[in-house]
Amino acid sequence: MEKLAIGIDLGGTNLKGIILNEKGEGRHLTRIPTEAQKGGAHVLKNIIHLIGELVSKEGSEKNIIGVGIGTPGFVDEDGTVSGAENLPGWKGTRIYDGIAEKFDFKVTAANDVTVATMAEAKYGAGRGVRNLVCYALGTGIGGGIVIDHHLYKGTHGMAGELGHIVVETNGIQCNCGLKGCVERYASATGIVNLALKLCSEAGNNNPTPFVVEVNKDPSKVTSKMVYDFVKQNDPVANQVNEIACDMLARAIGITLNTLSPDRVILGGGVMMAGQVIIDTVSKYVPRYCWPMIWEKCDLVIAELGEDSGVLGAGAMVFDEFGC
């Protein structure tokens, strides 16, 4: 019998779902609006509708062993959501109970970046790797941990908050309440803020092409712009990259000394910059990590794109419920 899983990726704008087999082959990829503005109960109703639509497209639910869901925020052991401040009313939603009322499926859920880590572990840059850590460099920084080929969620589903590793004592204030979190320096937001600061300080004293472009219209600065100028070897853009990667290397060094993984995967929108980030981070990691651990670890770029959420959600079902 072919075992199947349903993977659901909950985004602020759209819900995505897929039917996945044990080989990672997906079918019936479906998108519907999340309609987050209508509240948590309505979002759960849409998730249930999407599950039903996928079952209908498959024609039968007899081979489906469970449903996996990737969501903003955290999900505790009984399926209750915490965090997820960007989805009005989603906090406190009991995902498992709602789905169990409609379907006879086992259900599991986790933070969306944690779920994407599972996809990389099974089908992407972590294939065949026993222990790995993933950093997702986007607007903020998320993370995920795989130990002995299994996703590690931690107590209350909160493992993998790698963006809140403190890398600078009394550093920049973070929205989480701490100061000096790595996401304040190495996320897209952190990189842009650093670029604005350095270019403002440079002013007319060091008017490199990057400085001129940034100061002309600060509202248009993106991490992509920064790395476009890094590729042109602009000295101020290079300084932004060096600082951001040094801070990221500090967090990675702490992670390596704690977990000693075989591989660290860097993903997210910032990694569109590619190898330059890998090379710069690799230069700094030895300052913050025991050498024997670093020598046995690979630092690589994530392979999967926008569908990593649904793939990881399906993979999580096989990981937890049988494969």
Protein backbone atom coordinates (compact mmCIF):
# COMPACT_ATOMS: atom_id res chain seq x y z
CA MET A 1 0.00 0.00 0.00
CA GLU A 2 1.28 3.45 -0.92
CA LYS A 3 1.33 5.63 2.18
CA LEU A 4 0.32 9.25 1.62
CA ALA A 5 0.43 12.43 3.66
CA ILE A 6 -1.28 15.77 3.32
CA GLY A 7 0.97 18.81 3.75
CA ILE A 8 -0.50 22.24 4.50
CA ASP A 9 1.47 25.51 4.49
CA LEU A 10 -0.32 28.39 6.22
CA GLY A 11 0.73 31.81 4.95
CA GLY A 12 -0.68 35.23 5.66
CA THR A 13 -2.13 35.48 2.15
CA ASN A 14 -2.56 31.93 0.88
CA LEU A 15 -2.97 28.38 2.11
CA LYS A 16 -1.12 25.74 0.10
CA GLY A 17 -1.76 22.02 0.26
CA ILE A 18 -0.36 18.90 -1.37
CA ILE A 19 -0.64 15.12 -1.34
CA LEU A 20 2.81 13.61 -0.79
CA ASN A 21 4.13 10.05 -0.97
CA GLU A 22 7.08 8.60 0.94
CA LYS A 23 9.47 9.38 -1.91
CA GLY A 24 8.65 13.07 -1.69
CA GLU A 25 6.62 13.03 -4.88
CA GLY A 26 3.75 15.49 -4.66
CA ARG A 27 0.47 15.83 -6.49
CA HIS A 28 -2.67 17.97 -6.43
CA LEU A 29 -0.82 21.12 -5.28
CA THR A 30 -3.65 23.50 -4.40
CA ARG A 31 -3.82 27.12 -3.24
CA ILE A 32 -6.72 28.95 -1.64
CA PRO A 33 -6.90 32.34 0.13
CA THR A 34 -6.11 32.28 3.85
CA GLU A 35 -8.53 35.14 4.60
CA ALA A 36 -6.62 35.84 7.80
CA GLN A 37 -8.52 39.07 8.39
CA LYS A 38 -11.64 37.01 9.19
CA GLY A 39 -10.06 35.49 12.30
CA GLY A 40 -8.63 32.22 13.55
CA ALA A 41 -11.83 30.18 13.41
CA HIS A 42 -12.31 31.10 9.77
CA VAL A 43 -8.69 30.23 8.93
CA LEU A 44 -9.15 26.79 10.52
CA LYS A 45 -12.35 26.37 8.51
CA ASN A 46 -10.38 27.12 5.34
CA ILE A 47 -7.69 24.59 6.31
CA ILE A 48 -10.38 21.95 6.77
CA HIS A 49 -11.89 22.91 3.41
CA LEU A 50 -8.46 22.58 1.74
CA ILE A 51 -7.92 19.13 3.28
CA GLY A 52 -11.31 18.06 1.94
CA GLU A 53 -10.47 19.40 -1.50
CA LEU A 54 -7.21 17.43 -1.57
CA VAL A 55 -8.97 14.24 -0.47
CA SER A 56 -11.54 14.78 -3.20
CA LYS A 57 -8.83 15.22 -5.84
CA GLU A 58 -7.09 12.06 -4.63
CA GLY A 59 -10.39 10.18 -4.83
CA SER A 60 -9.94 8.33 -1.54
CA GLU A 61 -8.55 8.88 1.93
CA LYS A 62 -7.73 5.25 2.70
CA ASN A 63 -3.97 5.60 2.07
CA ILE A 64 -3.62 8.95 3.84
CA ILE A 65 -1.93 8.44 7.20
CA GLY A 66 -2.04 12.01 8.44
CA VAL A 67 -1.97 15.76 7.95
CA GLY A 68 1.00 18.01 8.65
CA ILE A 69 0.67 21.78 8.98
CA GLY A 70 3.30 24.50 8.93
CA THR A 71 2.14 27.68 10.63
CA PRO A 72 3.49 30.99 11.89
CA GLY A 73 4.04 30.92 15.65
CA PHE A 74 4.35 27.79 17.76
CA VAL A 75 2.20 24.72 18.32
CA ASP A 76 2.24 22.87 21.64
CA GLU A 77 1.62 19.18 22.28
CA ASP A 78 -2.17 19.45 22.14
CA GLY A 79 -2.21 21.52 18.96
CA THR A 80 -2.76 24.95 20.49
CA VAL A 81 -1.15 27.86 18.65
CA SER A 82 0.87 30.52 20.44
CA GLY A 83 2.60 33.53 18.94
CA ALA A 84 1.55 34.15 15.32
CA GLU A 85 0.92 37.83 15.99
CA ASN A 86 0.55 38.58 12.26
CA LEU A 87 -2.52 36.34 11.96
CA PRO A 88 -5.38 37.98 13.88
CA GLY A 89 -7.16 35.53 16.16
CA TRP A 90 -4.95 32.57 15.23
CA LYS A 91 -3.23 32.53 18.63
CA GLY A 92 -5.07 30.09 20.90
CA THR A 93 -6.61 28.11 18.03
CA ARG A 94 -6.73 24.36 18.74
CA ILE A 95 -5.74 22.96 15.35
CA TYR A 96 -5.85 19.26 16.17
CA ASP A 97 -9.33 19.29 17.71
CA GLY A 98 -10.82 21.21 14.80
CA ILE A 99 -9.48 18.81 12.17
CA ALA A 100 -10.31 15.71 14.24
CA GLU A 101 -13.97 16.73 14.21
CA LYS A 102 -14.03 16.41 10.41
CA PHE A 103 -11.44 13.77 9.49
CA ASP A 104 -10.12 10.54 10.95
CA PHE A 105 -6.50 11.57 10.37
CA LYS A 106 -3.59 11.95 12.72
CA VAL A 107 -2.50 15.58 12.76
CA THR A 108 0.80 17.27 13.52
CA ALA A 109 1.84 20.90 13.24
CA ALA A 110 4.91 23.05 13.78
CA ASN A 111 6.38 26.45 13.09
CA ASP A 112 6.62 27.12 9.36
CA VAL A 113 10.42 27.47 9.28
CA THR A 114 10.81 24.31 11.36
CA VAL A 115 8.64 22.52 8.81
CA ALA A 116 10.70 23.88 5.89
CA THR A 117 13.79 22.48 7.64
CA MET A 118 12.20 19.03 7.46
CA ALA A 119 11.77 19.45 3.71
CA GLU A 120 15.44 20.31 3.26
CA ALA A 121 16.40 17.34 5.46
CA LYS A 122 14.37 14.84 3.45
CA TYR A 123 14.37 16.21 -0.08
CA GLY A 124 16.81 19.11 -0.30
CA ALA A 125 20.26 20.19 0.86
CA GLY A 126 20.14 17.86 3.86
CA ARG A 127 19.38 14.58 2.08
CA GLY A 128 21.15 11.70 3.81
CA VAL A 129 22.46 13.91 6.62
CA ARG A 130 21.88 12.66 10.17
CA ASN A 131 22.07 15.94 12.11
CA LEU A 132 21.51 19.40 10.68
CA VAL A 133 20.47 22.93 11.48
CA CYS A 134 18.75 25.38 9.15
CA TYR A 135 18.79 29.17 9.34
CA ALA A 136 16.13 30.95 7.27
CA LEU A 137 17.27 34.51 6.56
CA GLY A 138 14.17 36.49 5.63
CA THR A 139 12.48 39.56 7.11
CA GLY A 140 13.53 38.00 10.41
CA ILE A 141 15.54 34.84 11.06
CA GLY A 142 13.89 31.50 11.76
CA GLY A 143 15.40 28.10 12.22
CA GLY A 144 14.96 24.39 12.52
CA ILE A 145 16.84 21.43 13.96
CA VAL A 146 17.00 17.81 12.82
CA ILE A 147 18.60 15.25 15.15
CA ASP A 148 19.12 11.61 14.15
CA HIS A 149 17.04 12.25 11.00
CA HIS A 150 14.05 13.44 13.07
CA LEU A 151 12.66 16.93 13.47
CA TYR A 152 13.34 18.33 16.93
CA LYS A 153 10.48 20.55 18.15
CA GLY A 154 11.49 20.95 21.78
CA THR A 155 9.20 21.69 24.70
CA HIS A 156 6.00 23.43 23.59
CA GLY A 157 7.19 23.37 19.96
CA MET A 158 9.59 26.26 20.48
CA ALA A 159 12.94 24.75 19.43
CA GLY A 160 14.80 26.43 16.60
CA GLU A 161 14.38 30.10 17.55
CA LEU A 162 17.86 30.67 16.20
CA GLY A 163 17.16 34.27 15.23
CA HIS A 164 17.07 35.16 18.91
CA ILE A 165 20.52 33.92 19.79
CA VAL A 166 22.15 36.98 21.37
CA VAL A 167 25.36 37.85 19.51
CA GLU A 168 26.02 41.35 20.87
CA THR A 169 25.77 42.23 24.56
CA ASN A 170 23.58 45.33 24.96
CA GLY A 171 23.15 45.38 21.20
CA ILE A 172 20.24 46.53 19.06
CA GLN A 173 16.82 46.20 20.70
CA CYS A 174 14.84 43.28 19.28
CA ASN A 175 11.04 43.06 19.08
CA CYS A 176 11.23 39.95 21.29
CA GLY A 177 12.45 42.05 24.23
CA LEU A 178 16.09 40.98 24.13
CA LYS A 179 18.99 43.08 22.89
CA GLY A 180 21.55 41.96 20.32
CA CYS A 181 19.61 39.11 18.67
CA VAL A 182 21.26 37.91 15.47
CA GLU A 183 18.16 38.71 13.41
CA ARG A 184 18.71 42.41 14.15
CA TYR A 185 21.93 42.18 12.14
CA ALA A 186 21.73 39.36 9.57
CA SER A 187 18.08 39.28 8.47
CA ALA A 188 16.92 41.31 5.47
CA THR A 189 15.62 43.93 7.89
CA GLY A 190 18.86 43.98 9.83
CA ILE A 191 20.98 44.26 6.69
CA VAL A 192 18.88 47.16 5.38
CA ASN A 193 19.07 49.00 8.71
CA LEU A 194 22.83 48.48 8.83
CA ALA A 195 23.15 49.79 5.27
CA LEU A 196 21.14 52.91 6.12
CA LYS A 197 23.30 53.56 9.18
CA LEU A 198 26.64 53.14 7.43
CA CYS A 199 25.60 55.15 4.37
CA SER A 200 24.27 57.97 6.53
CA GLU A 201 27.57 58.04 8.42
CA ALA A 202 29.56 57.98 5.16
CA GLY A 203 27.61 60.90 3.69
CA ASN A 204 29.73 63.13 1.48
CA ASN A 205 32.97 61.96 3.07
CA ASN A 206 32.90 58.58 1.34
CA PRO A 207 30.42 58.85 -1.56
CA THR A 208 30.81 55.39 -3.05
CA PRO A 209 28.20 54.38 -5.67
CA PHE A 210 26.39 52.38 -3.00
CA VAL A 211 26.32 55.30 -0.56
CA VAL A 212 25.00 57.65 -3.24
CA GLU A 213 22.28 55.19 -4.28
CA VAL A 214 21.15 54.51 -0.71
CA ASN A 215 21.11 58.14 0.39
CA LYS A 216 19.23 59.18 -2.77
CA ASP A 217 16.14 57.24 -1.63
CA PRO A 218 16.56 55.27 1.63
CA SER A 219 13.03 53.86 1.31
CA LYS A 220 14.07 51.77 -1.69
CA VAL A 221 16.97 49.96 -0.01
CA THR A 222 16.71 46.15 0.07
CA SER A 223 19.09 43.37 0.99
CA LYS A 224 19.23 42.51 -2.72
CA MET A 225 20.47 46.03 -3.48
CA VAL A 226 23.17 45.64 -0.85
CA TYR A 227 24.42 42.42 -2.40
CA ASP A 228 24.23 43.80 -5.92
CA PHE A 229 26.79 46.37 -4.78
CA VAL A 230 28.80 43.74 -2.90
CA LYS A 231 29.20 41.96 -6.23
CA GLN A 232 30.54 45.26 -7.62
CA ASN A 233 33.03 45.35 -4.72
CA ASP A 234 31.70 48.59 -3.29
CA PRO A 235 33.64 49.13 -0.02
CA VAL A 236 30.67 50.30 2.07
CA ALA A 237 28.41 47.52 0.81
CA ASN A 238 31.25 45.12 1.60
CA GLN A 239 31.35 46.50 5.14
CA VAL A 240 27.63 45.79 5.56
CA ASN A 241 28.18 42.22 4.37
CA GLU A 242 31.16 41.70 6.67
CA ILE A 243 29.29 42.90 9.77
CA ALA A 244 26.13 40.92 8.98
CA CYS A 245 28.07 37.72 8.27
CA ASP A 246 30.24 38.15 11.35
CA MET A 247 27.11 38.35 13.49
CA LEU A 248 25.57 35.35 11.76
CA ALA A 249 28.81 33.42 12.27
CA ARG A 250 28.60 34.11 16.01
CA ALA A 251 25.16 32.51 16.15
CA ILE A 252 26.27 29.59 14.01
CA GLY A 253 29.31 29.10 16.24
CA ILE A 254 27.07 28.84 19.31
CA THR A 255 24.83 26.39 17.46
CA LEU A 256 27.79 24.26 16.38
CA ASN A 257 29.31 24.12 19.84
CA THR A 258 25.93 23.09 21.26
CA LEU A 259 24.73 20.53 18.69
CA SER A 260 27.75 19.56 16.55
CA PRO A 261 25.63 18.98 13.42
CA ASP A 262 26.91 17.48 10.19
CA ARG A 263 25.55 20.40 8.18
CA VAL A 264 24.24 23.94 8.51
CA ILE A 265 21.85 25.07 5.78
CA LEU A 266 21.25 28.74 5.01
CA GLY A 267 18.00 29.59 3.25
CA GLY A 268 15.49 32.41 2.90
CA GLY A 269 15.32 35.44 0.65
CA VAL A 270 18.65 36.91 1.75
CA MET A 271 20.40 33.81 0.41
CA MET A 272 19.54 34.87 -3.13
CA ALA A 273 22.93 36.56 -2.77
CA GLY A 274 24.42 33.08 -2.88
CA GLN A 275 27.98 31.99 -2.34
CA VAL A 276 29.30 35.36 -1.14
CA ILE A 277 27.42 34.87 2.14
CA ILE A 278 28.66 31.30 2.53
CA ASP A 279 32.24 32.42 1.92
CA THR A 280 32.08 35.38 4.29
CA VAL A 281 30.37 33.48 7.10
CA SER A 282 32.87 30.63 6.70
CA LYS A 283 35.67 33.13 7.24
CA TYR A 284 34.26 34.17 10.62
CA VAL A 285 32.87 30.93 12.09
CA PRO A 286 36.30 29.64 13.27
CA ARG A 287 36.48 32.61 15.65
CA TYR A 288 33.41 31.36 17.52
CA CYS A 289 33.48 27.58 17.25
CA TRP A 290 35.69 24.78 18.51
CA PRO A 291 37.87 23.92 15.47
CA MET A 292 37.27 20.16 15.55
CA ILE A 293 33.51 20.71 15.28
CA TRP A 294 33.77 23.23 12.43
CA GLU A 295 36.11 20.95 10.47
CA LYS A 296 33.45 18.24 10.44
CA CYS A 297 30.54 20.49 9.41
CA ASP A 298 29.38 21.68 5.98
CA LEU A 299 27.82 25.11 5.39
CA VAL A 300 25.53 25.05 2.34
CA ILE A 301 22.69 26.91 0.62
CA ALA A 302 19.13 25.57 0.82
CA GLU A 303 17.95 23.85 -2.35
CA LEU A 304 14.17 24.01 -2.11
CA GLY A 305 12.08 27.04 -2.99
CA GLU A 306 8.63 28.28 -2.17
CA ASP A 307 7.10 24.80 -1.90
CA SER A 308 9.39 23.74 0.96
CA GLY A 309 6.57 24.47 3.43
CA VAL A 310 4.06 21.99 2.00
CA LEU A 311 6.75 19.39 1.31
CA GLY A 312 8.08 19.67 4.85
CA ALA A 313 4.60 19.47 6.34
CA GLY A 314 3.99 16.21 4.49
CA ALA A 315 7.43 14.87 5.42
CA MET A 316 6.68 15.64 9.07
CA VAL A 317 3.72 13.24 8.90
CA PHE A 318 5.94 10.36 7.78
CA ASP A 319 8.55 11.34 10.37
CA GLU A 320 6.07 11.21 13.26
CA PHE A 321 3.45 8.67 12.23
CA GLY A 322 5.24 6.01 10.27
CA CYS A 323 7.26 5.40 7.18
